[in-house]
Amino acid sequence: MDSTRDITFSCPGTLYALMGQGDSRIKNEITVLVLGLDGAGKSCIVEKLAKPTKGNIVQHRATNYQVTEFAQGKRTAALWDLNGGKEERNLWRHYYLGTKGLIFVVDGTQRDRFKEAKLALDSVIEDEELQGIPCLIFCCKSDSSDFVDITEIKNIFSFEGNPNIHPFPLHFEACSTFTGDGLAEGWKWIVDEVTKTTK
């Protein structure tokens, strides 16, 4: 059964402090930010990732984001889906504290927005709060005939030569929320990477 609550928190750390669960909850949770431009497919991906799980799916909704929690093995996964509008992107940095992984969603059919998306991603990855955390880039809408080849997307979103970015685990996964292709594979990768750093 799904449970939805409308409530406002400033970041993952604040959420669990207010819930009275503090550091122990943060340590045992797979906390992932889900970012990307507006219309990229973030919310659809989060919904698809949560659906196969057993037990309750809990959602906390606010004006600029939605948090979706569900069981992931013996741990809890919390996906922070932040709004991707141009103005809202300026607020992303306020949610970095307590984040253990990043999912960045790119609409693989919108070549004309690749540059905008790359600039947005660079600003996230360059932030000191997120240095070194694993990053999964979901290239969405792979079922469309307009989908750009994944190799080209990798080249466009390369971080090679950027002196402001320290080495970090990075993975690209073509996916479709319509067919489900790539979603499980990408999710497994980010969970495995986060688990390595939080044991």
Protein backbone atom coordinates (compact mmCIF):
# COMPACT_ATOMS: atom_id res chain seq x y z
CA MET A 1 0.00 0.00 0.00
CA ASP A 2 1.27 3.48 -0.85
CA SER A 3 1.29 6.23 1.76
CA THR A 4 1.62 9.90 0.84
CA ARG A 5 2.31 12.84 3.13
CA ASP A 6 2.70 16.52 2.32
CA ILE A 7 5.59 17.88 4.38
CA THR A 8 8.71 20.00 3.96
CA PHE A 9 12.32 19.08 4.76
CA SER A 10 15.51 20.84 3.70
CA CYS A 11 17.70 17.77 3.09
CA PRO A 12 17.96 14.04 3.92
CA GLY A 13 19.78 14.74 7.19
CA THR A 14 17.05 17.10 8.38
CA LEU A 15 14.31 14.62 7.48
CA TYR A 16 15.65 11.87 9.74
CA ALA A 17 16.59 14.21 12.56
CA LEU A 18 12.97 15.38 12.67
CA MET A 19 11.80 11.78 12.56
CA GLY A 20 13.94 11.11 15.65
CA GLN A 21 16.04 8.54 13.82
CA GLY A 22 19.15 10.66 13.26
CA ASP A 23 22.51 9.18 12.30
CA SER A 24 21.50 5.52 12.53
CA ARG A 25 18.74 6.00 9.94
CA ILE A 26 21.03 7.93 7.62
CA LYS A 27 23.74 5.27 7.88
CA ASN A 28 21.37 2.43 7.02
CA GLU A 29 19.62 4.14 4.16
CA ILE A 30 20.37 4.30 0.46
CA THR A 31 19.79 8.02 -0.06
CA VAL A 32 19.86 9.03 -3.71
CA LEU A 33 19.16 12.37 -5.37
CA VAL A 34 17.29 12.13 -8.67
CA LEU A 35 18.07 15.18 -10.80
CA GLY A 36 17.67 16.28 -14.39
CA LEU A 37 15.98 18.91 -16.52
CA ASP A 38 12.22 19.35 -16.42
CA GLY A 39 10.45 16.73 -18.53
CA ALA A 40 13.42 14.36 -18.64
CA GLY A 41 11.45 11.51 -17.04
CA LYS A 42 12.67 11.61 -13.43
CA SER A 43 9.33 11.01 -11.71
CA CYS A 44 8.38 8.18 -14.04
CA ILE A 45 11.70 6.46 -13.36
CA VAL A 46 11.27 6.79 -9.58
CA GLU A 47 7.78 5.31 -9.82
CA LYS A 48 9.05 2.37 -11.86
CA LEU A 49 11.96 1.70 -9.50
CA ALA A 50 9.68 1.63 -6.45
CA LYS A 51 6.90 -0.54 -7.94
CA PRO A 52 8.62 -3.99 -7.87
CA THR A 53 9.38 -3.75 -4.14
CA LYS A 54 7.42 -5.57 -1.46
CA GLY A 55 5.82 -3.64 1.36
CA ASN A 56 4.81 -0.01 1.68
CA ILE A 57 5.97 2.79 -0.57
CA VAL A 58 6.03 6.00 1.46
CA GLN A 59 6.10 9.38 -0.26
CA HIS A 60 6.80 12.80 1.27
CA ARG A 61 5.73 15.62 -1.04
CA ALA A 62 6.62 19.29 -1.02
CA THR A 63 6.58 22.13 -3.51
CA ASN A 64 10.02 21.54 -5.00
CA TYR A 65 10.52 17.81 -4.51
CA GLN A 66 9.12 14.40 -3.66
CA VAL A 67 10.78 11.75 -1.51
CA THR A 68 9.91 8.12 -2.25
CA GLU A 69 10.93 5.47 0.29
CA PHE A 70 10.78 1.71 -0.18
CA ALA A 71 12.47 -1.46 1.04
CA GLN A 72 15.76 -2.42 -0.61
CA GLY A 73 16.81 -5.73 0.87
CA LYS A 74 17.43 -5.16 4.57
CA ARG A 75 17.83 -1.44 4.02
CA THR A 76 15.57 1.42 2.98
CA ALA A 77 15.97 3.34 -0.26
CA ALA A 78 15.00 7.01 -0.36
CA LEU A 79 14.86 8.71 -3.74
CA TRP A 80 14.78 12.51 -3.61
CA ASP A 81 13.18 13.62 -6.87
CA LEU A 82 13.86 17.36 -7.20
CA ASN A 83 12.12 19.66 -9.66
CA GLY A 84 14.21 20.33 -12.76
CA GLY A 85 12.87 23.69 -13.90
CA LYS A 86 15.43 26.42 -14.58
CA GLU A 87 14.60 28.36 -11.43
CA GLU A 88 14.29 25.27 -9.22
CA ARG A 89 17.78 24.07 -10.19
CA ASN A 90 19.21 26.89 -8.11
CA LEU A 91 17.76 25.13 -5.05
CA TRP A 92 19.34 21.72 -5.71
CA ARG A 93 22.43 22.44 -3.60
CA HIS A 94 20.28 22.76 -0.48
CA TYR A 95 19.50 19.03 -0.66
CA TYR A 96 23.04 17.63 -1.02
CA LEU A 97 23.71 16.98 2.68
CA GLY A 98 23.35 13.28 3.50
CA THR A 99 23.24 12.18 -0.15
CA LYS A 100 25.03 8.91 -0.94
CA GLY A 101 24.35 8.59 -4.66
CA LEU A 102 23.17 10.57 -7.63
CA ILE A 103 20.87 9.63 -10.49
CA PHE A 104 20.86 12.18 -13.30
CA VAL A 105 18.19 11.67 -15.94
CA VAL A 106 18.74 12.79 -19.53
CA ASP A 107 16.02 12.77 -22.16
CA GLY A 108 17.86 10.85 -24.87
CA THR A 109 15.60 12.24 -27.58
CA GLN A 110 16.20 15.94 -26.89
CA ARG A 111 19.55 16.63 -28.51
CA ASP A 112 18.83 20.37 -28.38
CA ARG A 113 18.85 20.25 -24.56
CA PHE A 114 22.01 18.15 -24.09
CA LYS A 115 24.19 21.23 -23.54
CA GLU A 116 21.77 22.62 -20.95
CA ALA A 117 21.63 19.26 -19.19
CA LYS A 118 25.42 18.91 -19.18
CA LEU A 119 25.87 22.36 -17.63
CA ALA A 120 23.34 21.46 -14.94
CA LEU A 121 25.12 18.17 -14.23
CA ASP A 122 28.54 19.82 -14.10
CA SER A 123 27.34 22.27 -11.46
CA VAL A 124 26.15 19.33 -9.34
CA ILE A 125 29.23 17.14 -9.71
CA GLU A 126 31.59 20.04 -9.04
CA ASP A 127 30.00 20.78 -5.67
CA GLU A 128 32.28 19.82 -2.77
CA GLU A 129 29.39 18.18 -0.90
CA LEU A 130 28.99 15.58 -3.66
CA GLN A 131 32.63 14.99 -4.59
CA GLY A 132 33.33 11.30 -5.12
CA ILE A 133 29.78 9.95 -4.80
CA PRO A 134 28.61 7.44 -7.44
CA CYS A 135 26.64 8.90 -10.34
CA LEU A 136 24.24 6.99 -12.58
CA ILE A 137 23.18 8.74 -15.77
CA PHE A 138 19.89 7.30 -16.98
CA CYS A 139 19.48 8.04 -20.70
CA CYS A 140 15.71 7.92 -20.91
CA LYS A 141 13.29 7.11 -23.76
CA SER A 142 15.51 4.50 -25.42
CA ASP A 143 12.37 3.00 -26.99
CA SER A 144 11.91 6.09 -29.17
CA SER A 145 13.12 6.25 -32.77
CA ASP A 146 14.54 9.70 -31.92
CA PHE A 147 16.82 8.32 -29.22
CA VAL A 148 20.43 9.44 -29.71
CA ASP A 149 23.03 6.66 -29.73
CA ILE A 150 24.27 5.98 -26.21
CA THR A 151 27.90 6.29 -27.31
CA GLU A 152 27.29 9.83 -28.51
CA ILE A 153 25.55 10.71 -25.25
CA LYS A 154 28.53 9.37 -23.29
CA ASN A 155 30.88 11.56 -25.30
CA ILE A 156 28.74 14.67 -24.77
CA PHE A 157 28.45 14.08 -21.02
CA SER A 158 32.11 13.16 -20.50
CA PHE A 159 33.94 14.74 -17.56
CA GLU A 160 37.40 14.08 -18.97
CA GLY A 161 39.69 17.06 -18.57
CA ASN A 162 37.53 18.91 -16.04
CA PRO A 163 39.97 20.05 -13.30
CA ASN A 164 37.13 20.81 -10.88
CA ILE A 165 35.95 17.21 -10.62
CA HIS A 166 37.64 14.46 -8.62
CA PRO A 167 37.39 10.84 -9.85
CA PHE A 168 34.07 9.19 -9.02
CA PRO A 169 32.12 6.05 -10.01
CA LEU A 170 30.13 6.81 -13.18
CA HIS A 171 27.76 4.66 -15.19
CA PHE A 172 25.53 5.35 -18.21
CA GLU A 173 22.38 3.29 -18.76
CA ALA A 174 19.94 3.61 -21.63
CA CYS A 175 16.43 3.05 -20.29
CA SER A 176 12.74 3.21 -21.06
CA THR A 177 9.91 3.74 -18.61
CA PHE A 178 7.57 2.30 -21.25
CA THR A 179 9.31 -1.06 -21.73
CA GLY A 180 11.25 -1.08 -18.46
CA ASP A 181 14.52 -1.76 -20.27
CA GLY A 182 17.64 -0.69 -18.39
CA LEU A 183 15.92 0.39 -15.18
CA ALA A 184 16.77 -2.67 -13.08
CA GLU A 185 20.33 -2.75 -14.39
CA GLY A 186 20.95 0.90 -13.61
CA TRP A 187 19.35 0.67 -10.18
CA LYS A 188 21.44 -2.37 -9.28
CA TRP A 189 24.59 -0.48 -10.22
CA ILE A 190 23.85 2.55 -8.02
CA VAL A 191 22.76 0.37 -5.07
CA ASP A 192 25.95 -1.71 -5.31
CA GLU A 193 28.12 1.42 -5.46
CA VAL A 194 26.39 3.11 -2.52
CA THR A 195 26.61 -0.11 -0.50
CA LYS A 196 30.38 -0.25 -1.05
CA THR A 197 30.84 3.14 0.57
CA THR A 198 28.37 2.77 3.46
CA LYS A 199 29.12 -0.65 4.93
